All heavy atoms as atom14 arrays in JSON, in Angstrom:
{
  "sequence": "AIKRRWPWAWVYHPCDTTHSGIPDLLCCINGQFLALEV",
  "atom14_mask": [
    [1, 1, 1, 1, 1, 0, 0, 0, 0, 0, 0, 0, 0, 0],
    [1, 1, 1, 1, 1, 1, 1, 1, 0, 0, 0, 0, 0, 0],
    [1, 1, 1, 1, 1, 1, 1, 1, 1, 0, 0, 0, 0, 0],
    [1, 1, 1, 1, 1, 1, 1, 1, 1, 1, 1, 0, 0, 0],
    [1, 1, 1, 1, 1, 1, 1, 1, 1, 1, 1, 0, 0, 0],
    [1, 1, 1, 1, 1, 1, 1, 1, 1, 1, 1, 1, 1, 1],
    [1, 1, 1, 1, 1, 1, 1, 0, 0, 0, 0, 0, 0, 0],
    [1, 1, 1, 1, 1, 1, 1, 1, 1, 1, 1, 1, 1, 1],
    [1, 1, 1, 1, 1, 0, 0, 0, 0, 0, 0, 0, 0, 0],
    [1, 1, 1, 1, 1, 1, 1, 1, 1, 1, 1, 1, 1, 1],
    [1, 1, 1, 1, 1, 1, 1, 0, 0, 0, 0, 0, 0, 0],
    [1, 1, 1, 1, 1, 1, 1, 1, 1, 1, 1, 1, 0, 0],
    [1, 1, 1, 1, 1, 1, 1, 1, 1, 1, 0, 0, 0, 0],
    [1, 1, 1, 1, 1, 1, 1, 0, 0, 0, 0, 0, 0, 0],
    [1, 1, 1, 1, 1, 1, 0, 0, 0, 0, 0, 0, 0, 0],
    [1, 1, 1, 1, 1, 1, 1, 1, 0, 0, 0, 0, 0, 0],
    [1, 1, 1, 1, 1, 1, 1, 0, 0, 0, 0, 0, 0, 0],
    [1, 1, 1, 1, 1, 1, 1, 0, 0, 0, 0, 0, 0, 0],
    [1, 1, 1, 1, 1, 1, 1, 1, 1, 1, 0, 0, 0, 0],
    [1, 1, 1, 1, 1, 1, 0, 0, 0, 0, 0, 0, 0, 0],
    [1, 1, 1, 1, 0, 0, 0, 0, 0, 0, 0, 0, 0, 0],
    [1, 1, 1, 1, 1, 1, 1, 1, 0, 0, 0, 0, 0, 0],
    [1, 1, 1, 1, 1, 1, 1, 0, 0, 0, 0, 0, 0, 0],
    [1, 1, 1, 1, 1, 1, 1, 1, 0, 0, 0, 0, 0, 0],
    [1, 1, 1, 1, 1, 1, 1, 1, 0, 0, 0, 0, 0, 0],
    [1, 1, 1, 1, 1, 1, 1, 1, 0, 0, 0, 0, 0, 0],
    [1, 1, 1, 1, 1, 1, 0, 0, 0, 0, 0, 0, 0, 0],
    [1, 1, 1, 1, 1, 1, 0, 0, 0, 0, 0, 0, 0, 0],
    [1, 1, 1, 1, 1, 1, 1, 1, 0, 0, 0, 0, 0, 0],
    [1, 1, 1, 1, 1, 1, 1, 1, 0, 0, 0, 0, 0, 0],
    [1, 1, 1, 1, 0, 0, 0, 0, 0, 0, 0, 0, 0, 0],
    [1, 1, 1, 1, 1, 1, 1, 1, 1, 0, 0, 0, 0, 0],
    [1, 1, 1, 1, 1, 1, 1, 1, 1, 1, 1, 0, 0, 0],
    [1, 1, 1, 1, 1, 1, 1, 1, 0, 0, 0, 0, 0, 0],
    [1, 1, 1, 1, 1, 0, 0, 0, 0, 0, 0, 0, 0, 0],
    [1, 1, 1, 1, 1, 1, 1, 1, 0, 0, 0, 0, 0, 0],
    [1, 1, 1, 1, 1, 1, 1, 1, 1, 0, 0, 0, 0, 0],
    [1, 1, 1, 1, 1, 1, 1, 0, 0, 0, 0, 0, 0, 0]
  ],
  "atom14_positions": [
    [[-18.1, -15.64, 25.04], [-19.27, -15.17, 24.27], [-18.82, -14.32, 23.08], [-19.4, -14.4, 22.0], [-20.2, -14.36, 25.17], [0.0, 0.0, 0.0], [0.0, 0.0, 0.0], [0.0, 0.0, 0.0], [0.0, 0.0, 0.0], [0.0, 0.0, 0.0], [0.0, 0.0, 0.0], [0.0, 0.0, 0.0], [0.0, 0.0, 0.0], [0.0, 0.0, 0.0]],
    [[-17.79, -13.52, 23.27], [-17.24, -12.72, 22.15], [-16.71, -13.65, 21.07], [-16.99, -13.46, 19.89], [-16.14, -11.78, 22.65], [-16.71, -10.7, 23.56], [-15.4, -11.13, 21.47], [-15.67, -9.91, 24.31], [0.0, 0.0, 0.0], [0.0, 0.0, 0.0], [0.0, 0.0, 0.0], [0.0, 0.0, 0.0], [0.0, 0.0, 0.0], [0.0, 0.0, 0.0]],
    [[-15.93, -14.66, 21.47], [-15.34, -15.58, 20.5], [-16.41, -16.43, 19.79], [-16.24, -16.79, 18.64], [-14.32, -16.49, 21.17], [-13.06, -15.73, 21.6], [-12.43, -15.06, 20.43], [-10.99, -15.42, 20.31], [-10.37, -14.9, 19.11], [0.0, 0.0, 0.0], [0.0, 0.0, 0.0], [0.0, 0.0, 0.0], [0.0, 0.0, 0.0], [0.0, 0.0, 0.0]],
    [[-17.52, -16.71, 20.48], [-18.6, -17.43, 19.81], [-19.24, -16.56, 18.74], [-19.57, -17.01, 17.65], [-19.67, -17.86, 20.83], [-19.39, -19.2, 21.48], [-20.62, -19.74, 22.21], [-21.14, -18.86, 23.24], [-20.73, -18.82, 24.5], [-19.78, -19.63, 24.9], [-21.28, -17.99, 25.37], [0.0, 0.0, 0.0], [0.0, 0.0, 0.0], [0.0, 0.0, 0.0]],
    [[-19.44, -15.29, 19.07], [-20.09, -14.38, 18.11], [-19.14, -13.96, 16.99], [-19.55, -13.85, 15.84], [-20.61, -13.15, 18.83], [-21.35, -12.22, 17.9], [-22.22, -11.25, 18.61], [-22.87, -10.39, 17.65], [-23.41, -9.24, 17.91], [-23.42, -8.81, 19.14], [-23.95, -8.51, 16.97], [0.0, 0.0, 0.0], [0.0, 0.0, 0.0], [0.0, 0.0, 0.0]],
    [[-17.9, -13.66, 17.33], [-16.9, -13.25, 16.36], [-15.65, -14.12, 16.53], [-14.7, -13.72, 17.2], [-16.52, -11.77, 16.57], [-17.66, -10.82, 16.46], [-18.31, -10.46, 15.31], [-18.28, -10.08, 17.51], [-19.29, -9.55, 15.59], [-19.29, -9.29, 16.93], [-18.08, -10.0, 18.88], [-20.1, -8.45, 17.69], [-18.88, -9.16, 19.64], [-19.87, -8.4, 19.02]],
    [[-15.62, -15.32, 15.95], [-14.49, -16.25, 16.17], [-13.15, -15.68, 15.76], [-12.12, -16.08, 16.28], [-14.85, -17.47, 15.31], [-16.24, -17.28, 14.85], [-16.64, -15.86, 15.08], [0.0, 0.0, 0.0], [0.0, 0.0, 0.0], [0.0, 0.0, 0.0], [0.0, 0.0, 0.0], [0.0, 0.0, 0.0], [0.0, 0.0, 0.0], [0.0, 0.0, 0.0]],
    [[-13.13, -14.74, 14.85], [-11.88, -14.16, 14.35], [-11.4, -12.96, 15.17], [-10.38, -12.37, 14.89], [-12.08, -13.73, 12.89], [-13.24, -12.78, 12.77], [-13.19, -11.42, 12.87], [-14.62, -13.1, 12.59], [-14.45, -10.88, 12.77], [-15.34, -11.89, 12.59], [-15.32, -14.3, 12.45], [-16.73, -11.85, 12.45], [-16.7, -14.24, 12.3], [-17.39, -13.04, 12.29]],
    [[-12.17, -12.59, 16.2], [-11.86, -11.39, 16.99], [-10.56, -11.54, 17.77], [-10.22, -12.62, 18.25], [-13.0, -11.11, 17.96], [0.0, 0.0, 0.0], [0.0, 0.0, 0.0], [0.0, 0.0, 0.0], [0.0, 0.0, 0.0], [0.0, 0.0, 0.0], [0.0, 0.0, 0.0], [0.0, 0.0, 0.0], [0.0, 0.0, 0.0], [0.0, 0.0, 0.0]],
    [[-9.87, -10.44, 17.89], [-8.7, -10.35, 18.76], [-9.17, -9.7, 20.05], [-9.79, -8.65, 20.02], [-7.64, -9.48, 18.06], [-6.45, -9.17, 18.88], [-5.31, -9.93, 18.96], [-6.22, -8.04, 19.7], [-4.41, -9.33, 19.79], [-4.94, -8.16, 20.27], [-7.0, -6.92, 20.04], [-4.42, -7.22, 21.14], [-6.47, -5.98, 20.92], [-5.19, -6.14, 21.44]],
    [[-8.95, -10.38, 21.17], [-9.42, -9.88, 22.46], [-8.25, -9.81, 23.43], [-7.48, -10.76, 23.57], [-10.51, -10.81, 23.05], [-11.02, -10.29, 24.39], [-11.66, -10.99, 22.08], [0.0, 0.0, 0.0], [0.0, 0.0, 0.0], [0.0, 0.0, 0.0], [0.0, 0.0, 0.0], [0.0, 0.0, 0.0], [0.0, 0.0, 0.0], [0.0, 0.0, 0.0]],
    [[-8.12, -8.68, 24.08], [-7.06, -8.49, 25.06], [-7.69, -8.05, 26.38], [-8.56, -7.18, 26.41], [-6.1, -7.39, 24.58], [-5.01, -7.05, 25.56], [-4.02, -7.95, 25.86], [-4.99, -5.81, 26.19], [-3.03, -7.65, 26.78], [-4.0, -5.49, 27.1], [-3.02, -6.42, 27.39], [-2.03, -6.11, 28.28], [0.0, 0.0, 0.0], [0.0, 0.0, 0.0]],
    [[-7.26, -8.69, 27.44], [-7.74, -8.33, 28.78], [-6.61, -7.6, 29.49], [-5.68, -8.23, 29.99], [-8.15, -9.6, 29.55], [-8.72, -9.3, 30.88], [-7.95, -9.17, 32.02], [-9.99, -9.1, 31.27], [-8.74, -8.91, 33.04], [-9.98, -8.86, 32.61], [0.0, 0.0, 0.0], [0.0, 0.0, 0.0], [0.0, 0.0, 0.0], [0.0, 0.0, 0.0]],
    [[-6.66, -6.28, 29.5], [-5.57, -5.53, 30.14], [-5.46, -5.82, 31.63], [-6.47, -5.97, 32.3], [-5.95, -4.06, 29.93], [-7.15, -4.03, 29.08], [-7.7, -5.41, 29.0], [0.0, 0.0, 0.0], [0.0, 0.0, 0.0], [0.0, 0.0, 0.0], [0.0, 0.0, 0.0], [0.0, 0.0, 0.0], [0.0, 0.0, 0.0], [0.0, 0.0, 0.0]],
    [[-4.27, -5.92, 32.09], [-4.06, -6.12, 33.53], [-3.26, -4.94, 34.07], [-2.48, -5.06, 35.0], [-3.39, -7.43, 33.81], [-1.88, -7.7, 32.88], [0.0, 0.0, 0.0], [0.0, 0.0, 0.0], [0.0, 0.0, 0.0], [0.0, 0.0, 0.0], [0.0, 0.0, 0.0], [0.0, 0.0, 0.0], [0.0, 0.0, 0.0], [0.0, 0.0, 0.0]],
    [[-3.46, -3.79, 33.45], [-2.75, -2.57, 33.83], [-3.39, -1.98, 35.09], [-4.49, -1.42, 35.02], [-2.82, -1.56, 32.68], [-2.08, -0.27, 32.97], [-1.53, -0.13, 34.08], [-2.02, 0.57, 32.07], [0.0, 0.0, 0.0], [0.0, 0.0, 0.0], [0.0, 0.0, 0.0], [0.0, 0.0, 0.0], [0.0, 0.0, 0.0], [0.0, 0.0, 0.0]],
    [[-2.73, -2.14, 36.2], [-3.26, -1.61, 37.44], [-2.75, -0.21, 37.74], [-3.1, 0.38, 38.74], [-2.93, -2.53, 38.62], [-1.51, -2.68, 38.69], [-3.57, -3.9, 38.44], [0.0, 0.0, 0.0], [0.0, 0.0, 0.0], [0.0, 0.0, 0.0], [0.0, 0.0, 0.0], [0.0, 0.0, 0.0], [0.0, 0.0, 0.0], [0.0, 0.0, 0.0]],
    [[-1.9, 0.31, 36.86], [-1.34, 1.64, 37.11], [-2.14, 2.74, 36.43], [-1.9, 3.91, 36.69], [0.12, 1.71, 36.63], [0.15, 1.47, 35.22], [0.98, 0.69, 37.34], [0.0, 0.0, 0.0], [0.0, 0.0, 0.0], [0.0, 0.0, 0.0], [0.0, 0.0, 0.0], [0.0, 0.0, 0.0], [0.0, 0.0, 0.0], [0.0, 0.0, 0.0]],
    [[-3.07, 2.41, 35.57], [-3.85, 3.42, 34.87], [-5.33, 3.13, 35.07], [-5.88, 2.19, 34.5], [-3.51, 3.42, 33.39], [-4.05, 4.62, 32.66], [-5.37, 4.74, 32.35], [-3.45, 5.76, 32.23], [-5.56, 5.9, 31.73], [-4.41, 6.52, 31.66], [0.0, 0.0, 0.0], [0.0, 0.0, 0.0], [0.0, 0.0, 0.0], [0.0, 0.0, 0.0]],
    [[-5.98, 3.92, 35.87], [-7.41, 3.72, 36.17], [-8.27, 3.99, 34.96], [-7.96, 4.86, 34.14], [-7.85, 4.68, 37.28], [-7.15, 4.4, 38.45], [0.0, 0.0, 0.0], [0.0, 0.0, 0.0], [0.0, 0.0, 0.0], [0.0, 0.0, 0.0], [0.0, 0.0, 0.0], [0.0, 0.0, 0.0], [0.0, 0.0, 0.0], [0.0, 0.0, 0.0]],
    [[-9.35, 3.24, 34.83], [-10.34, 3.53, 33.81], [-10.21, 2.75, 32.52], [-11.09, 2.82, 31.68], [0.0, 0.0, 0.0], [0.0, 0.0, 0.0], [0.0, 0.0, 0.0], [0.0, 0.0, 0.0], [0.0, 0.0, 0.0], [0.0, 0.0, 0.0], [0.0, 0.0, 0.0], [0.0, 0.0, 0.0], [0.0, 0.0, 0.0], [0.0, 0.0, 0.0]],
    [[-9.12, 1.99, 32.35], [-8.97, 1.2, 31.12], [-10.09, 0.16, 31.1], [-10.3, -0.55, 32.08], [-7.6, 0.5, 31.07], [-6.49, 1.54, 31.08], [-7.49, -0.43, 29.86], [-6.46, 2.46, 29.88], [0.0, 0.0, 0.0], [0.0, 0.0, 0.0], [0.0, 0.0, 0.0], [0.0, 0.0, 0.0], [0.0, 0.0, 0.0], [0.0, 0.0, 0.0]],
    [[-10.82, 0.04, 29.98], [-11.9, -0.94, 29.91], [-11.4, -2.37, 30.14], [-10.22, -2.69, 29.89], [-12.44, -0.78, 28.48], [-12.11, 0.62, 28.13], [-10.78, 0.88, 28.78], [0.0, 0.0, 0.0], [0.0, 0.0, 0.0], [0.0, 0.0, 0.0], [0.0, 0.0, 0.0], [0.0, 0.0, 0.0], [0.0, 0.0, 0.0], [0.0, 0.0, 0.0]],
    [[-12.3, -3.23, 30.6], [-11.94, -4.61, 30.94], [-11.48, -5.43, 29.75], [-10.59, -6.26, 29.89], [-13.13, -5.3, 31.59], [-13.5, -4.67, 32.92], [-12.59, -4.46, 33.74], [-14.69, -4.39, 33.13], [0.0, 0.0, 0.0], [0.0, 0.0, 0.0], [0.0, 0.0, 0.0], [0.0, 0.0, 0.0], [0.0, 0.0, 0.0], [0.0, 0.0, 0.0]],
    [[-12.09, -5.23, 28.59], [-11.74, -5.99, 27.39], [-11.53, -5.04, 26.23], [-12.36, -4.16, 25.98], [-12.84, -6.99, 27.03], [-13.13, -8.07, 28.08], [-14.36, -8.88, 27.68], [-11.93, -8.99, 28.25], [0.0, 0.0, 0.0], [0.0, 0.0, 0.0], [0.0, 0.0, 0.0], [0.0, 0.0, 0.0], [0.0, 0.0, 0.0], [0.0, 0.0, 0.0]],
    [[-10.43, -5.23, 25.53], [-10.14, -4.47, 24.32], [-10.12, -5.45, 23.17], [-9.49, -6.5, 23.25], [-8.78, -3.77, 24.44], [-8.61, -2.87, 25.66], [-7.2, -2.31, 25.73], [-9.63, -1.73, 25.64], [0.0, 0.0, 0.0], [0.0, 0.0, 0.0], [0.0, 0.0, 0.0], [0.0, 0.0, 0.0], [0.0, 0.0, 0.0], [0.0, 0.0, 0.0]],
    [[-10.85, -5.13, 22.1], [-11.02, -6.07, 21.0], [-10.78, -5.39, 19.66], [-10.97, -4.18, 19.53], [-12.45, -6.62, 20.98], [-13.07, -7.22, 22.55], [0.0, 0.0, 0.0], [0.0, 0.0, 0.0], [0.0, 0.0, 0.0], [0.0, 0.0, 0.0], [0.0, 0.0, 0.0], [0.0, 0.0, 0.0], [0.0, 0.0, 0.0], [0.0, 0.0, 0.0]],
    [[-10.42, -6.19, 18.69], [-10.4, -5.74, 17.3], [-11.25, -6.73, 16.52], [-10.95, -7.92, 16.46], [-8.97, -5.72, 16.75], [-8.9, -5.07, 15.08], [0.0, 0.0, 0.0], [0.0, 0.0, 0.0], [0.0, 0.0, 0.0], [0.0, 0.0, 0.0], [0.0, 0.0, 0.0], [0.0, 0.0, 0.0], [0.0, 0.0, 0.0], [0.0, 0.0, 0.0]],
    [[-12.35, -6.22, 15.98], [-13.32, -7.06, 15.28], [-13.61, -6.41, 13.94], [-14.0, -5.24, 13.88], [-14.62, -7.23, 16.09], [-14.29, -7.85, 17.46], [-15.62, -8.07, 15.33], [-15.45, -7.87, 18.41], [0.0, 0.0, 0.0], [0.0, 0.0, 0.0], [0.0, 0.0, 0.0], [0.0, 0.0, 0.0], [0.0, 0.0, 0.0], [0.0, 0.0, 0.0]],
    [[-13.39, -7.15, 12.87], [-13.61, -6.62, 11.52], [-12.84, -5.32, 11.3], [-13.34, -4.4, 10.66], [-15.09, -6.4, 11.25], [-15.88, -7.69, 11.24], [-15.33, -8.75, 10.97], [-17.15, -7.61, 11.53], [0.0, 0.0, 0.0], [0.0, 0.0, 0.0], [0.0, 0.0, 0.0], [0.0, 0.0, 0.0], [0.0, 0.0, 0.0], [0.0, 0.0, 0.0]],
    [[-11.67, -5.22, 11.88], [-10.84, -4.03, 11.71], [-11.27, -2.83, 12.52], [-10.75, -1.74, 12.34], [0.0, 0.0, 0.0], [0.0, 0.0, 0.0], [0.0, 0.0, 0.0], [0.0, 0.0, 0.0], [0.0, 0.0, 0.0], [0.0, 0.0, 0.0], [0.0, 0.0, 0.0], [0.0, 0.0, 0.0], [0.0, 0.0, 0.0], [0.0, 0.0, 0.0]],
    [[-12.22, -3.02, 13.42], [-12.71, -1.92, 14.25], [-12.36, -2.17, 15.72], [-12.39, -3.3, 16.19], [-14.22, -1.77, 14.1], [-14.62, -1.35, 12.71], [-16.08, -0.96, 12.66], [-16.63, -0.43, 13.6], [-16.7, -1.26, 11.53], [0.0, 0.0, 0.0], [0.0, 0.0, 0.0], [0.0, 0.0, 0.0], [0.0, 0.0, 0.0], [0.0, 0.0, 0.0]],
    [[-12.02, -1.08, 16.4], [-11.67, -1.16, 17.81], [-12.93, -1.17, 18.67], [-13.84, -0.39, 18.44], [-10.8, 0.05, 18.2], [-10.38, 0.04, 19.63], [-9.35, -0.76, 20.06], [-11.03, 0.84, 20.56], [-8.95, -0.79, 21.39], [-10.65, 0.83, 21.89], [-9.61, 0.02, 22.31], [0.0, 0.0, 0.0], [0.0, 0.0, 0.0], [0.0, 0.0, 0.0]],
    [[-12.96, -2.07, 19.62], [-14.09, -2.21, 20.51], [-13.57, -2.31, 21.94], [-12.67, -3.08, 22.23], [-14.89, -3.47, 20.18], [-16.02, -3.89, 21.13], [-17.14, -2.88, 21.11], [-16.53, -5.26, 20.78], [0.0, 0.0, 0.0], [0.0, 0.0, 0.0], [0.0, 0.0, 0.0], [0.0, 0.0, 0.0], [0.0, 0.0, 0.0], [0.0, 0.0, 0.0]],
    [[-14.12, -1.5, 22.83], [-13.78, -1.55, 24.25], [-15.03, -1.93, 25.03], [-16.1, -1.36, 24.82], [-13.26, -0.2, 24.71], [0.0, 0.0, 0.0], [0.0, 0.0, 0.0], [0.0, 0.0, 0.0], [0.0, 0.0, 0.0], [0.0, 0.0, 0.0], [0.0, 0.0, 0.0], [0.0, 0.0, 0.0], [0.0, 0.0, 0.0], [0.0, 0.0, 0.0]],
    [[-14.9, -2.89, 25.91], [-16.02, -3.34, 26.72], [-15.7, -3.17, 28.2], [-14.69, -3.69, 28.68], [-16.34, -4.8, 26.45], [-16.76, -5.17, 25.03], [-16.9, -6.68, 24.89], [-18.05, -4.48, 24.67], [0.0, 0.0, 0.0], [0.0, 0.0, 0.0], [0.0, 0.0, 0.0], [0.0, 0.0, 0.0], [0.0, 0.0, 0.0], [0.0, 0.0, 0.0]],
    [[-16.54, -2.47, 28.88], [-16.45, -2.37, 30.33], [-17.49, -3.34, 30.86], [-18.68, -3.21, 30.57], [-16.75, -0.95, 30.81], [-16.64, -0.76, 32.28], [-15.27, -1.06, 32.84], [-14.24, -0.67, 32.22], [-15.2, -1.69, 33.91], [0.0, 0.0, 0.0], [0.0, 0.0, 0.0], [0.0, 0.0, 0.0], [0.0, 0.0, 0.0], [0.0, 0.0, 0.0]],
    [[-17.07, -4.34, 31.62], [-17.95, -5.39, 32.11], [-18.35, -5.06, 33.54], [-17.49, -4.81, 34.39], [-17.26, -6.76, 32.04], [-18.17, -7.86, 32.54], [-16.79, -7.06, 30.61], [0.0, 0.0, 0.0], [0.0, 0.0, 0.0], [0.0, 0.0, 0.0], [0.0, 0.0, 0.0], [0.0, 0.0, 0.0], [0.0, 0.0, 0.0], [0.0, 0.0, 0.0]]
  ]
}
């Protein structure tokens, strides 16, 4: 859904299990940082 809305977006799904609280998706869209907790 993110890629459909912002095809140029960079999306990273962290798999860091050693640091609690990191949002599920980290994105860079139009030069702005976006964190999504799903």
